[in-house]
Amino acid sequence: MPKIIAMFKFRDDKPYEECREHWNVVHSEVVARSLPECRRYVQNVAVRVRSQKWDYDGVAELWFDDMDAIRRSFDGPLADDLRADEHNFADMESSTWMIVNENEVISGAGSQGGTA
């Protein structure tokens, strides 16, 4: 099952909390409305720590049944609303995305079968 991984850098001209809130609340609703073939949507918000400056403020994961579903979703007019809303919270010049196939290596505690 292919998924899109999108790495976002929040806008510098808006407060961090405002951008995060927009992404978490408003943009989630836009995704749900704009991508009806999206099977799962996860937002990963970067944890802010003093000793580390991350390249991105968040990573989104969007799952689809197949590549045709991705094409239909992003070629359609509903995706225009999604793209427009991204500019409300993200610096699109510094953000990026890719289509990936997930390779699950570890799935839960004890799945490796060895002893500690």
PDB file of N, CA and C in Angstrom:
ATOM      1  N   MET A   1       0.850  -1.175   0.000  1.00  0.00           N
ATOM      2  CA  MET A   1       0.000   0.000   0.000  1.00  0.00           C
ATOM      3  C   MET A   1       0.898   1.240   0.000  1.00  0.00           C
ATOM      4  N   PRO A   2       0.840   2.045  -1.057  1.00  0.00           N
ATOM      5  CA  PRO A   2       1.691   3.239  -1.101  1.00  0.00           C
ATOM      6  C   PRO A   2       1.170   4.323  -0.159  1.00  0.00           C
ATOM      7  N   LYS A   3       2.090   5.139   0.290  1.00  0.00           N
ATOM      8  CA  LYS A   3       1.689   6.288   1.089  1.00  0.00           C
ATOM      9  C   LYS A   3       2.547   7.484   0.711  1.00  0.00           C
ATOM     10  N   ILE A   4       2.026   8.636   1.003  1.00  0.00           N
ATOM     11  CA  ILE A   4       2.753   9.884   0.795  1.00  0.00           C
ATOM     12  C   ILE A   4       3.298  10.314   2.140  1.00  0.00           C
ATOM     13  N   ILE A   5       4.569  10.659   2.145  1.00  0.00           N
ATOM     14  CA  ILE A   5       5.207  11.250   3.317  1.00  0.00           C
ATOM     15  C   ILE A   5       5.479  12.705   2.948  1.00  0.00           C
ATOM     16  N   ALA A   6       4.936  13.631   3.723  1.00  0.00           N
ATOM     17  CA  ALA A   6       5.135  15.058   3.469  1.00  0.00           C
ATOM     18  C   ALA A   6       5.802  15.686   4.680  1.00  0.00           C
ATOM     19  N   MET A   7       6.947  16.332   4.449  1.00  0.00           N
ATOM     20  CA  MET A   7       7.682  16.988   5.520  1.00  0.00           C
ATOM     21  C   MET A   7       7.424  18.492   5.427  1.00  0.00           C
ATOM     22  N   PHE A   8       6.915  19.068   6.524  1.00  0.00           N
ATOM     23  CA  PHE A   8       6.538  20.471   6.534  1.00  0.00           C
ATOM     24  C   PHE A   8       7.429  21.309   7.438  1.00  0.00           C
ATOM     25  N   LYS A   9       7.752  22.473   6.952  1.00  0.00           N
ATOM     26  CA  LYS A   9       8.389  23.527   7.743  1.00  0.00           C
ATOM     27  C   LYS A   9       7.316  24.593   7.909  1.00  0.00           C
ATOM     28  N   PHE A  10       7.022  24.963   9.151  1.00  0.00           N
ATOM     29  CA  PHE A  10       5.997  25.977   9.380  1.00  0.00           C
ATOM     30  C   PHE A  10       6.481  27.351   8.914  1.00  0.00           C
ATOM     31  N   ARG A  11       5.534  28.208   8.628  1.00  0.00           N
ATOM     32  CA  ARG A  11       5.847  29.561   8.168  1.00  0.00           C
ATOM     33  C   ARG A  11       6.574  30.338   9.256  1.00  0.00           C
ATOM     34  N   ASP A  12       7.573  31.112   8.855  1.00  0.00           N
ATOM     35  CA  ASP A  12       8.321  31.943   9.805  1.00  0.00           C
ATOM     36  C   ASP A  12       7.588  33.233  10.155  1.00  0.00           C
ATOM     37  N   ASP A  13       6.655  33.649   9.303  1.00  0.00           N
ATOM     38  CA  ASP A  13       5.961  34.919   9.518  1.00  0.00           C
ATOM     39  C   ASP A  13       4.707  34.780  10.378  1.00  0.00           C
ATOM     40  N   LYS A  14       4.461  33.579  10.892  1.00  0.00           N
ATOM     41  CA  LYS A  14       3.334  33.340  11.788  1.00  0.00           C
ATOM     42  C   LYS A  14       3.860  32.633  13.035  1.00  0.00           C
ATOM     43  N   PRO A  15       3.176  32.812  14.168  1.00  0.00           N
ATOM     44  CA  PRO A  15       3.611  32.107  15.379  1.00  0.00           C
ATOM     45  C   PRO A  15       3.542  30.593  15.188  1.00  0.00           C
ATOM     46  N   TYR A  16       4.518  29.896  15.764  1.00  0.00           N
ATOM     47  CA  TYR A  16       4.596  28.437  15.677  1.00  0.00           C
ATOM     48  C   TYR A  16       3.280  27.789  16.096  1.00  0.00           C
ATOM     49  N   GLU A  17       2.738  28.201  17.243  1.00  0.00           N
ATOM     50  CA  GLU A  17       1.510  27.591  17.769  1.00  0.00           C
ATOM     51  C   GLU A  17       0.339  27.779  16.818  1.00  0.00           C
ATOM     52  N   GLU A  18       0.270  28.912  16.166  1.00  0.00           N
ATOM     53  CA  GLU A  18      -0.809  29.162  15.205  1.00  0.00           C
ATOM     54  C   GLU A  18      -0.697  28.209  14.012  1.00  0.00           C
ATOM     55  N   CYS A  19       0.508  28.019  13.523  1.00  0.00           N
ATOM     56  CA  CYS A  19       0.723  27.106  12.402  1.00  0.00           C
ATOM     57  C   CYS A  19       0.401  25.672  12.798  1.00  0.00           C
ATOM     58  N   ARG A  20       0.863  25.265  13.969  1.00  0.00           N
ATOM     59  CA  ARG A  20       0.604  23.899  14.430  1.00  0.00           C
ATOM     60  C   ARG A  20      -0.886  23.663  14.625  1.00  0.00           C
ATOM     61  N   GLU A  21      -1.562  24.614  15.215  1.00  0.00           N
ATOM     62  CA  GLU A  21      -3.006  24.491  15.435  1.00  0.00           C
ATOM     63  C   GLU A  21      -3.750  24.392  14.102  1.00  0.00           C
ATOM     64  N   HIS A  22      -3.365  25.216  13.141  1.00  0.00           N
ATOM     65  CA  HIS A  22      -4.018  25.173  11.832  1.00  0.00           C
ATOM     66  C   HIS A  22      -3.801  23.805  11.188  1.00  0.00           C
ATOM     67  N   TRP A  23      -2.571  23.310  11.223  1.00  0.00           N
ATOM     68  CA  TRP A  23      -2.270  22.005  10.633  1.00  0.00           C
ATOM     69  C   TRP A  23      -3.063  20.901  11.320  1.00  0.00           C
ATOM     70  N   ASN A  24      -3.055  20.911  12.663  1.00  0.00           N
ATOM     71  CA  ASN A  24      -3.710  19.849  13.429  1.00  0.00           C
ATOM     72  C   ASN A  24      -5.227  19.853  13.290  1.00  0.00           C
ATOM     73  N   VAL A  25      -5.838  21.018  13.236  1.00  0.00           N
ATOM     74  CA  VAL A  25      -7.293  21.096  13.268  1.00  0.00           C
ATOM     75  C   VAL A  25      -7.875  21.389  11.884  1.00  0.00           C
ATOM     76  N   VAL A  26      -7.566  22.552  11.349  1.00  0.00           N
ATOM     77  CA  VAL A  26      -8.181  22.983  10.095  1.00  0.00           C
ATOM     78  C   VAL A  26      -7.729  22.110   8.929  1.00  0.00           C
ATOM     79  N   HIS A  27      -6.415  21.920   8.806  1.00  0.00           N
ATOM     80  CA  HIS A  27      -5.917  21.159   7.664  1.00  0.00           C
ATOM     81  C   HIS A  27      -6.373  19.701   7.708  1.00  0.00           C
ATOM     82  N   SER A  28      -6.514  19.139   8.886  1.00  0.00           N
ATOM     83  CA  SER A  28      -7.031  17.767   9.005  1.00  0.00           C
ATOM     84  C   SER A  28      -8.410  17.654   8.372  1.00  0.00           C
ATOM     85  N   GLU A  29      -9.244  18.654   8.603  1.00  0.00           N
ATOM     86  CA  GLU A  29     -10.584  18.664   8.015  1.00  0.00           C
ATOM     87  C   GLU A  29     -10.511  18.827   6.493  1.00  0.00           C
ATOM     88  N   VAL A  30      -9.574  19.641   6.027  1.00  0.00           N
ATOM     89  CA  VAL A  30      -9.394  19.824   4.583  1.00  0.00           C
ATOM     90  C   VAL A  30      -8.947  18.512   3.941  1.00  0.00           C
ATOM     91  N   VAL A  31      -8.026  17.803   4.582  1.00  0.00           N
ATOM     92  CA  VAL A  31      -7.563  16.510   4.061  1.00  0.00           C
ATOM     93  C   VAL A  31      -8.742  15.539   3.974  1.00  0.00           C
ATOM     94  N   ALA A  32      -9.517  15.433   5.028  1.00  0.00           N
ATOM     95  CA  ALA A  32     -10.657  14.508   5.049  1.00  0.00           C
ATOM     96  C   ALA A  32     -11.652  14.829   3.940  1.00  0.00           C
ATOM     97  N   ARG A  33     -11.881  16.102   3.708  1.00  0.00           N
ATOM     98  CA  ARG A  33     -12.837  16.546   2.697  1.00  0.00           C
ATOM     99  C   ARG A  33     -12.270  16.439   1.275  1.00  0.00           C
ATOM    100  N   SER A  34     -10.965  16.675   1.125  1.00  0.00           N
ATOM    101  CA  SER A  34     -10.354  16.789  -0.195  1.00  0.00           C
ATOM    102  C   SER A  34      -9.821  15.471  -0.756  1.00  0.00           C
ATOM    103  N   LEU A  35      -9.546  14.512   0.098  1.00  0.00           N
ATOM    104  CA  LEU A  35      -8.948  13.250  -0.352  1.00  0.00           C
ATOM    105  C   LEU A  35      -9.807  12.064   0.086  1.00  0.00           C
ATOM    106  N   PRO A  36     -10.968  11.876  -0.548  1.00  0.00           N
ATOM    107  CA  PRO A  36     -11.860  10.800  -0.113  1.00  0.00           C
ATOM    108  C   PRO A  36     -11.260   9.398  -0.259  1.00  0.00           C
ATOM    109  N   GLU A  37     -10.238   9.232  -1.101  1.00  0.00           N
ATOM    110  CA  GLU A  37      -9.616   7.907  -1.251  1.00  0.00           C
ATOM    111  C   GLU A  37      -8.449   7.687  -0.279  1.00  0.00           C
ATOM    112  N   CYS A  38      -8.162   8.671   0.550  1.00  0.00           N
ATOM    113  CA  CYS A  38      -7.119   8.512   1.559  1.00  0.00           C
ATOM    114  C   CYS A  38      -7.641   7.572   2.639  1.00  0.00           C
ATOM    115  N   ARG A  39      -6.922   6.472   2.890  1.00  0.00           N
ATOM    116  CA  ARG A  39      -7.351   5.450   3.844  1.00  0.00           C
ATOM    117  C   ARG A  39      -6.915   5.745   5.272  1.00  0.00           C
ATOM    118  N   ARG A  40      -5.841   6.486   5.420  1.00  0.00           N
ATOM    119  CA  ARG A  40      -5.324   6.807   6.763  1.00  0.00           C
ATOM    120  C   ARG A  40      -4.514   8.089   6.651  1.00  0.00           C
ATOM    121  N   TYR A  41      -4.624   8.939   7.660  1.00  0.00           N
ATOM    122  CA  TYR A  41      -3.877  10.196   7.692  1.00  0.00           C
ATOM    123  C   TYR A  41      -3.309  10.361   9.090  1.00  0.00           C
ATOM    124  N   VAL A  42      -1.989  10.505   9.190  1.00  0.00           N
ATOM    125  CA  VAL A  42      -1.315  10.660  10.476  1.00  0.00           C
ATOM    126  C   VAL A  42      -0.442  11.904  10.418  1.00  0.00           C
ATOM    127  N   GLN A  43      -0.509  12.706  11.463  1.00  0.00           N
ATOM    128  CA  GLN A  43       0.371  13.859  11.603  1.00  0.00           C
ATOM    129  C   GLN A  43       1.396  13.556  12.688  1.00  0.00           C
ATOM    130  N   ASN A  44       2.658  13.756  12.372  1.00  0.00           N
ATOM    131  CA  ASN A  44       3.752  13.575  13.325  1.00  0.00           C
ATOM    132  C   ASN A  44       4.350  14.955  13.594  1.00  0.00           C
ATOM    133  N   VAL A  45       4.120  15.481  14.780  1.00  0.00           N
ATOM    134  CA  VAL A  45       4.607  16.806  15.138  1.00  0.00           C
ATOM    135  C   VAL A  45       5.980  16.659  15.790  1.00  0.00           C
ATOM    136  N   ALA A  46       6.956  17.389  15.283  1.00  0.00           N
ATOM    137  CA  ALA A  46       8.312  17.326  15.828  1.00  0.00           C
ATOM    138  C   ALA A  46       8.310  17.793  17.286  1.00  0.00           C
ATOM    139  N   VAL A  47       9.019  17.060  18.104  1.00  0.00           N
ATOM    140  CA  VAL A  47       9.164  17.415  19.517  1.00  0.00           C
ATOM    141  C   VAL A  47      10.252  18.475  19.611  1.00  0.00           C
ATOM    142  N   ARG A  48       9.915  19.585  20.214  1.00  0.00           N
ATOM    143  CA  ARG A  48      10.884  20.674  20.341  1.00  0.00           C
ATOM    144  C   ARG A  48      11.788  20.410  21.539  1.00  0.00           C
ATOM    145  N   VAL A  49      13.079  20.340  21.255  1.00  0.00           N
ATOM    146  CA  VAL A  49      14.072  20.163  22.308  1.00  0.00           C
ATOM    147  C   VAL A  49      15.150  21.230  22.130  1.00  0.00           C
ATOM    148  N   ARG A  50      15.706  21.684  23.256  1.00  0.00           N
ATOM    149  CA  ARG A  50      16.692  22.770  23.203  1.00  0.00           C
ATOM    150  C   ARG A  50      17.952  22.402  22.443  1.00  0.00           C
ATOM    151  N   SER A  51      18.371  21.158  22.551  1.00  0.00           N
ATOM    152  CA  SER A  51      19.660  20.758  21.984  1.00  0.00           C
ATOM    153  C   SER A  51      19.596  20.390  20.501  1.00  0.00           C
ATOM    154  N   GLN A  52      18.398  20.430  19.916  1.00  0.00           N
ATOM    155  CA  GLN A  52      18.275  19.991  18.526  1.00  0.00           C
ATOM    156  C   GLN A  52      17.350  20.912  17.738  1.00  0.00           C
ATOM    157  N   LYS A  53      17.788  21.320  16.578  1.00  0.00           N
ATOM    158  CA  LYS A  53      16.944  22.077  15.655  1.00  0.00           C
ATOM    159  C   LYS A  53      16.632  21.163  14.475  1.00  0.00           C
ATOM    160  N   TRP A  54      15.392  20.714  14.362  1.00  0.00           N
ATOM    161  CA  TRP A  54      14.989  19.804  13.295  1.00  0.00           C
ATOM    162  C   TRP A  54      14.838  20.556  11.978  1.00  0.00           C
ATOM    163  N   ASP A  55      15.016  19.870  10.887  1.00  0.00           N
ATOM    164  CA  ASP A  55      14.835  20.464   9.561  1.00  0.00           C
ATOM    165  C   ASP A  55      13.371  20.725   9.254  1.00  0.00           C
ATOM    166  N   TYR A  56      12.473  19.951   9.885  1.00  0.00           N
ATOM    167  CA  TYR A  56      11.033  20.076   9.629  1.00  0.00           C
ATOM    168  C   TYR A  56      10.277  20.149  10.948  1.00  0.00           C
ATOM    169  N   ASP A  57       9.113  20.790  10.902  1.00  0.00           N
ATOM    170  CA  ASP A  57       8.268  20.900  12.089  1.00  0.00           C
ATOM    171  C   ASP A  57       7.273  19.761  12.203  1.00  0.00           C
ATOM    172  N   GLY A  58       7.035  19.077  11.108  1.00  0.00           N
ATOM    173  CA  GLY A  58       6.097  17.969  11.136  1.00  0.00           C
ATOM    174  C   GLY A  58       6.180  17.124   9.891  1.00  0.00           C
ATOM    175  N   VAL A  59       5.670  15.910  10.029  1.00  0.00           N
ATOM    176  CA  VAL A  59       5.633  14.956   8.922  1.00  0.00           C
ATOM    177  C   VAL A  59       4.224  14.379   8.850  1.00  0.00           C
ATOM    178  N   ALA A  60       3.644  14.425   7.670  1.00  0.00           N
ATOM    179  CA  ALA A  60       2.319  13.845   7.458  1.00  0.00           C
ATOM    180  C   ALA A  60       2.462  12.540   6.683  1.00  0.00           C
ATOM    181  N   GLU A  61       1.600  11.585   7.006  1.00  0.00           N
ATOM    182  CA  GLU A  61       1.559  10.307   6.293  1.00  0.00           C
ATOM    183  C   GLU A  61       0.140  10.105   5.784  1.00  0.00           C
ATOM    184  N   LEU A  62       0.015   9.850   4.483  1.00  0.00           N
ATOM    185  CA  LEU A  62      -1.290   9.632   3.863  1.00  0.00           C
ATOM    186  C   LEU A  62      -1.257   8.306   3.110  1.00  0.00           C
ATOM    187  N   TRP A  63      -2.100   7.361   3.519  1.00  0.00           N
ATOM    188  CA  TRP A  63      -2.139   6.026   2.924  1.00  0.00           C
ATOM    189  C   TRP A  63      -3.231   5.963   1.858  1.00  0.00           C
ATOM    190  N   PHE A  64      -2.922   5.248   0.774  1.00  0.00           N
ATOM    191  CA  PHE A  64      -3.864   5.024  -0.321  1.00  0.00           C
ATOM    192  C   PHE A  64      -3.818   3.555  -0.725  1.00  0.00           C
ATOM    193  N   ASP A  65      -4.877   3.068  -1.370  1.00  0.00           N
ATOM    194  CA  ASP A  65      -4.930   1.671  -1.796  1.00  0.00           C
ATOM    195  C   ASP A  65      -3.894   1.349  -2.867  1.00  0.00           C
ATOM    196  N   ASP A  66      -3.668   2.291  -3.777  1.00  0.00           N
ATOM    197  CA  ASP A  66      -2.729   2.044  -4.876  1.00  0.00           C
ATOM    198  C   ASP A  66      -2.341   3.371  -5.526  1.00  0.00           C
ATOM    199  N   MET A  67      -1.439   3.300  -6.481  1.00  0.00           N
ATOM    200  CA  MET A  67      -0.959   4.509  -7.166  1.00  0.00           C
ATOM    201  C   MET A  67      -2.081   5.198  -7.943  1.00  0.00           C
ATOM    202  N   ASP A  68      -3.000   4.417  -8.477  1.00  0.00           N
ATOM    203  CA  ASP A  68      -4.121   5.023  -9.199  1.00  0.00           C
ATOM    204  C   ASP A  68      -4.972   5.890  -8.272  1.00  0.00           C
ATOM    205  N   ALA A  69      -5.142   5.461  -7.037  1.00  0.00           N
ATOM    206  CA  ALA A  69      -5.903   6.256  -6.065  1.00  0.00           C
ATOM    207  C   ALA A  69      -5.183   7.566  -5.758  1.00  0.00           C
ATOM    208  N   ILE A  70      -3.856   7.517  -5.692  1.00  0.00           N
ATOM    209  CA  ILE A  70      -3.089   8.752  -5.477  1.00  0.00           C
ATOM    210  C   ILE A  70      -3.268   9.682  -6.668  1.00  0.00           C
ATOM    211  N   ARG A  71      -3.133   9.147  -7.871  1.00  0.00           N
ATOM    212  CA  ARG A  71      -3.296   9.966  -9.084  1.00  0.00           C
ATOM    213  C   ARG A  71      -4.680  10.603  -9.147  1.00  0.00           C
ATOM    214  N   ARG A  72      -5.705   9.791  -8.923  1.00  0.00           N
ATOM    215  CA  ARG A  72      -7.071  10.330  -8.966  1.00  0.00           C
ATOM    216  C   ARG A  72      -7.252  11.427  -7.920  1.00  0.00           C
ATOM    217  N   SER A  73      -6.722  11.199  -6.742  1.00  0.00           N
ATOM    218  CA  SER A  73      -6.894  12.159  -5.650  1.00  0.00           C
ATOM    219  C   SER A  73      -6.241  13.497  -5.951  1.00  0.00           C
ATOM    220  N   PHE A  74      -5.029  13.467  -6.475  1.00  0.00           N
ATOM    221  CA  PHE A  74      -4.288  14.713  -6.657  1.00  0.00           C
ATOM    222  C   PHE A  74      -4.475  15.341  -8.027  1.00  0.00           C
ATOM    223  N   ASP A  75      -5.068  14.612  -8.957  1.00  0.00           N
ATOM    224  CA  ASP A  75      -5.410  15.204 -10.247  1.00  0.00           C
ATOM    225  C   ASP A  75      -6.781  15.859 -10.205  1.00  0.00           C
ATOM    226  N   GLY A  76      -7.564  15.532  -9.209  1.00  0.00           N
ATOM    227  CA  GLY A  76      -8.931  16.041  -9.118  1.00  0.00           C
ATOM    228  C   GLY A  76      -9.003  17.443  -8.535  1.00  0.00           C
ATOM    229  N   PRO A  77     -10.123  18.087  -8.711  1.00  0.00           N
ATOM    230  CA  PRO A  77     -10.297  19.473  -8.243  1.00  0.00           C
ATOM    231  C   PRO A  77     -10.289  19.624  -6.727  1.00  0.00           C
ATOM    232  N   LEU A  78     -10.632  18.568  -5.996  1.00  0.00           N
ATOM    233  CA  LEU A  78     -10.635  18.665  -4.540  1.00  0.00           C
ATOM    234  C   LEU A  78      -9.235  18.913  -3.985  1.00  0.00           C
ATOM    235  N   ALA A  79      -8.224  18.400  -4.664  1.00  0.00           N
ATOM    236  CA  ALA A  79      -6.849  18.575  -4.182  1.00  0.00           C
ATOM    237  C   ALA A  79      -6.403  20.033  -4.253  1.00  0.00           C
ATOM    238  N   ASP A  80      -7.054  20.840  -5.070  1.00  0.00           N
ATOM    239  CA  ASP A  80      -6.707  22.267  -5.137  1.00  0.00           C
ATOM    240  C   ASP A  80      -6.938  22.946  -3.794  1.00  0.00           C
ATOM    241  N   ASP A  81      -8.024  22.577  -3.098  1.00  0.00           N
ATOM    242  CA  ASP A  81      -8.288  23.126  -1.756  1.00  0.00           C
ATOM    243  C   ASP A  81      -7.190  22.722  -0.780  1.00  0.00           C
ATOM    244  N   LEU A  82      -6.750  21.487  -0.890  1.00  0.00           N
ATOM    245  CA  LEU A  82      -5.681  20.981  -0.034  1.00  0.00           C
ATOM    246  C   LEU A  82      -4.402  21.782  -0.255  1.00  0.00           C
ATOM    247  N   ARG A  83      -4.017  21.934  -1.501  1.00  0.00           N
ATOM    248  CA  ARG A  83      -2.786  22.677  -1.825  1.00  0.00           C
ATOM    249  C   ARG A  83      -2.880  24.138  -1.374  1.00  0.00           C
ATOM    250  N   ALA A  84      -4.030  24.744  -1.550  1.00  0.00           N
ATOM    251  CA  ALA A  84      -4.204  26.142  -1.134  1.00  0.00           C
ATOM    252  C   ALA A  84      -4.090  26.278   0.376  1.00  0.00           C
ATOM    253  N   ASP A  85      -4.669  25.340   1.109  1.00  0.00           N
ATOM    254  CA  ASP A  85      -4.640  25.436   2.567  1.00  0.00           C
ATOM    255  C   ASP A  85      -3.246  25.220   3.132  1.00  0.00           C
ATOM    256  N   GLU A  86      -2.412  24.446   2.459  1.00  0.00           N
ATOM    257  CA  GLU A  86      -1.049  24.219   2.952  1.00  0.00           C
ATOM    258  C   GLU A  86      -0.300  25.536   3.143  1.00  0.00           C
ATOM    259  N   HIS A  87      -0.590  26.516   2.328  1.00  0.00           N
ATOM    260  CA  HIS A  87       0.087  27.820   2.417  1.00  0.00           C
ATOM    261  C   HIS A  87      -0.304  28.590   3.671  1.00  0.00           C
ATOM    262  N   ASN A  88      -1.387  28.192   4.333  1.00  0.00           N
ATOM    263  CA  ASN A  88      -1.818  28.869   5.560  1.00  0.00           C
ATOM    264  C   ASN A  88      -0.939  28.540   6.761  1.00  0.00           C
ATOM    265  N   PHE A  89      -0.214  27.432   6.715  1.00  0.00           N
ATOM    266  CA  PHE A  89       0.613  27.053   7.858  1.00  0.00           C
ATOM    267  C   PHE A  89       2.045  26.678   7.484  1.00  0.00           C
ATOM    268  N   ALA A  90       2.277  26.298   6.228  1.00  0.00           N
ATOM    269  CA  ALA A  90       3.579  25.759   5.848  1.00  0.00           C
ATOM    270  C   ALA A  90       4.336  26.685   4.901  1.00  0.00           C
ATOM    271  N   ASP A  91       5.644  26.682   5.058  1.00  0.00           N
ATOM    272  CA  ASP A  91       6.541  27.324   4.105  1.00  0.00           C
ATOM    273  C   ASP A  91       6.764  26.302   2.995  1.00  0.00           C
ATOM    274  N   MET A  92       6.043  26.433   1.910  1.00  0.00           N
ATOM    275  CA  MET A  92       6.065  25.407   0.869  1.00  0.00           C
ATOM    276  C   MET A  92       7.396  25.366   0.117  1.00  0.00           C
ATOM    277  N   GLU A  93       8.173  26.431   0.189  1.00  0.00           N
ATOM    278  CA  GLU A  93       9.508  26.412  -0.418  1.00  0.00           C
ATOM    279  C   GLU A  93      10.450  25.481   0.352  1.00  0.00           C
ATOM    280  N   SER A  94      10.213  25.342   1.657  1.00  0.00           N
ATOM    281  CA  SER A  94      11.072  24.518   2.511  1.00  0.00           C
ATOM    282  C   SER A  94      10.468  23.150   2.821  1.00  0.00           C
ATOM    283  N   SER A  95       9.280  22.896   2.331  1.00  0.00           N
ATOM    284  CA  SER A  95       8.601  21.631   2.584  1.00  0.00           C
ATOM    285  C   SER A  95       8.779  20.713   1.379  1.00  0.00           C
ATOM    286  N   THR A  96       8.622  19.421   1.613  1.00  0.00           N
ATOM    287  CA  THR A  96       8.803  18.463   0.524  1.00  0.00           C
ATOM    288  C   THR A  96       7.950  17.229   0.783  1.00  0.00           C
ATOM    289  N   TRP A  97       7.880  16.352  -0.185  1.00  0.00           N
ATOM    290  CA  TRP A  97       7.096  15.130  -0.047  1.00  0.00           C
ATOM    291  C   TRP A  97       7.644  14.061  -0.978  1.00  0.00           C
ATOM    292  N   MET A  98       7.227  12.818  -0.716  1.00  0.00           N
ATOM    293  CA  MET A  98       7.573  11.709  -1.593  1.00  0.00           C
ATOM    294  C   MET A  98       6.552  10.596  -1.425  1.00  0.00           C
ATOM    295  N   ILE A  99       6.444   9.743  -2.433  1.00  0.00           N
ATOM    296  CA  ILE A  99       5.600   8.560  -2.371  1.00  0.00           C
ATOM    297  C   ILE A  99       6.501   7.392  -2.001  1.00  0.00           C
ATOM    298  N   VAL A 100       6.080   6.607  -1.016  1.00  0.00           N
ATOM    299  CA  VAL A 100       6.898   5.498  -0.522  1.00  0.00           C
ATOM    300  C   VAL A 100       6.059   4.234  -0.390  1.00  0.00           C
ATOM    301  N   ASN A 101       6.751   3.115  -0.335  1.00  0.00           N
ATOM    302  CA  ASN A 101       6.159   1.845   0.069  1.00  0.00           C
ATOM    303  C   ASN A 101       6.773   1.502   1.415  1.00  0.00           C
ATOM    304  N   GLU A 102       5.928   1.276   2.389  1.00  0.00           N
ATOM    305  CA  GLU A 102       6.380   1.001   3.749  1.00  0.00           C
ATOM    306  C   GLU A 102       6.963  -0.406   3.848  1.00  0.00           C
ATOM    307  N   ASN A 103       8.058  -0.521   4.565  1.00  0.00           N
ATOM    308  CA  ASN A 103       8.687  -1.806   4.852  1.00  0.00           C
ATOM    309  C   ASN A 103       8.726  -1.962   6.369  1.00  0.00           C
ATOM    310  N   GLU A 104       7.733  -2.613   6.938  1.00  0.00           N
ATOM    311  CA  GLU A 104       7.650  -2.764   8.386  1.00  0.00           C
ATOM    312  C   GLU A 104       8.728  -3.748   8.854  1.00  0.00           C
ATOM    313  N   VAL A 105       9.579  -3.310   9.761  1.00  0.00           N
ATOM    314  CA  VAL A 105      10.688  -4.123  10.239  1.00  0.00           C
ATOM    315  C   VAL A 105      10.383  -4.707  11.614  1.00  0.00           C
ATOM    316  N   ILE A 106       9.854  -3.894  12.510  1.00  0.00           N
ATOM    317  CA  ILE A 106       9.476  -4.348  13.852  1.00  0.00           C
ATOM    318  C   ILE A 106       8.019  -3.995  14.056  1.00  0.00           C
ATOM    319  N   SER A 107       7.243  -4.924  14.533  1.00  0.00           N
ATOM    320  CA  SER A 107       5.818  -4.699  14.745  1.00  0.00           C
ATOM    321  C   SER A 107       5.437  -5.111  16.159  1.00  0.00           C
ATOM    322  N   GLY A 108       5.642  -4.225  17.104  1.00  0.00           N
ATOM    323  CA  GLY A 108       5.238  -4.476  18.476  1.00  0.00           C
ATOM    324  C   GLY A 108       6.311  -5.173  19.305  1.00  0.00           C
ATOM    325  N   ALA A 109       6.086  -5.185  20.609  1.00  0.00           N
ATOM    326  CA  ALA A 109       7.033  -5.765  21.557  1.00  0.00           C
ATOM    327  C   ALA A 109       7.125  -7.278  21.372  1.00  0.00           C
ATOM    328  N   GLY A 110       8.335  -7.764  21.462  1.00  0.00           N
ATOM    329  CA  GLY A 110       8.543  -9.196  21.415  1.00  0.00           C
ATOM    330  C   GLY A 110       8.477  -9.807  20.033  1.00  0.00           C
ATOM    331  N   SER A 111       8.362  -8.993  19.004  1.00  0.00           N
ATOM    332  CA  SER A 111       8.185  -9.549  17.668  1.00  0.00           C
ATOM    333  C   SER A 111       9.468 -10.140  17.101  1.00  0.00           C
ATOM    334  N   GLN A 112      10.605  -9.861  17.711  1.00  0.00           N
ATOM    335  CA  GLN A 112      11.871 -10.378  17.207  1.00  0.00           C
ATOM    336  C   GLN A 112      12.137 -11.810  17.667  1.00  0.00           C
ATOM    337  N   GLY A 113      11.445 -12.262  18.694  1.00  0.00           N
ATOM    338  CA  GLY A 113      11.508 -13.653  19.117  1.00  0.00           C
ATOM    339  C   GLY A 113      12.722 -14.048  19.947  1.00  0.00           C
ATOM    340  N   GLY A 114      13.671 -13.187  20.141  1.00  0.00           N
ATOM    341  CA  GLY A 114      14.859 -13.526  20.932  1.00  0.00           C
ATOM    342  C   GLY A 114      14.641 -13.253  22.402  1.00  0.00           C
ATOM    343  N   THR A 115      15.683 -13.516  23.189  1.00  0.00           N
ATOM    344  CA  THR A 115      15.643 -13.200  24.605  1.00  0.00           C
ATOM    345  C   THR A 115      16.586 -12.060  24.879  1.00  0.00           C
ATOM    346  N   ALA A 116      16.278 -11.298  25.898  1.00  0.00           N
ATOM    347  CA  ALA A 116      17.110 -10.138  26.227  1.00  0.00           C
ATOM    348  C   ALA A 116      18.304 -10.524  27.048  1.00  0.00           C
TER     349      ALA A 116
END
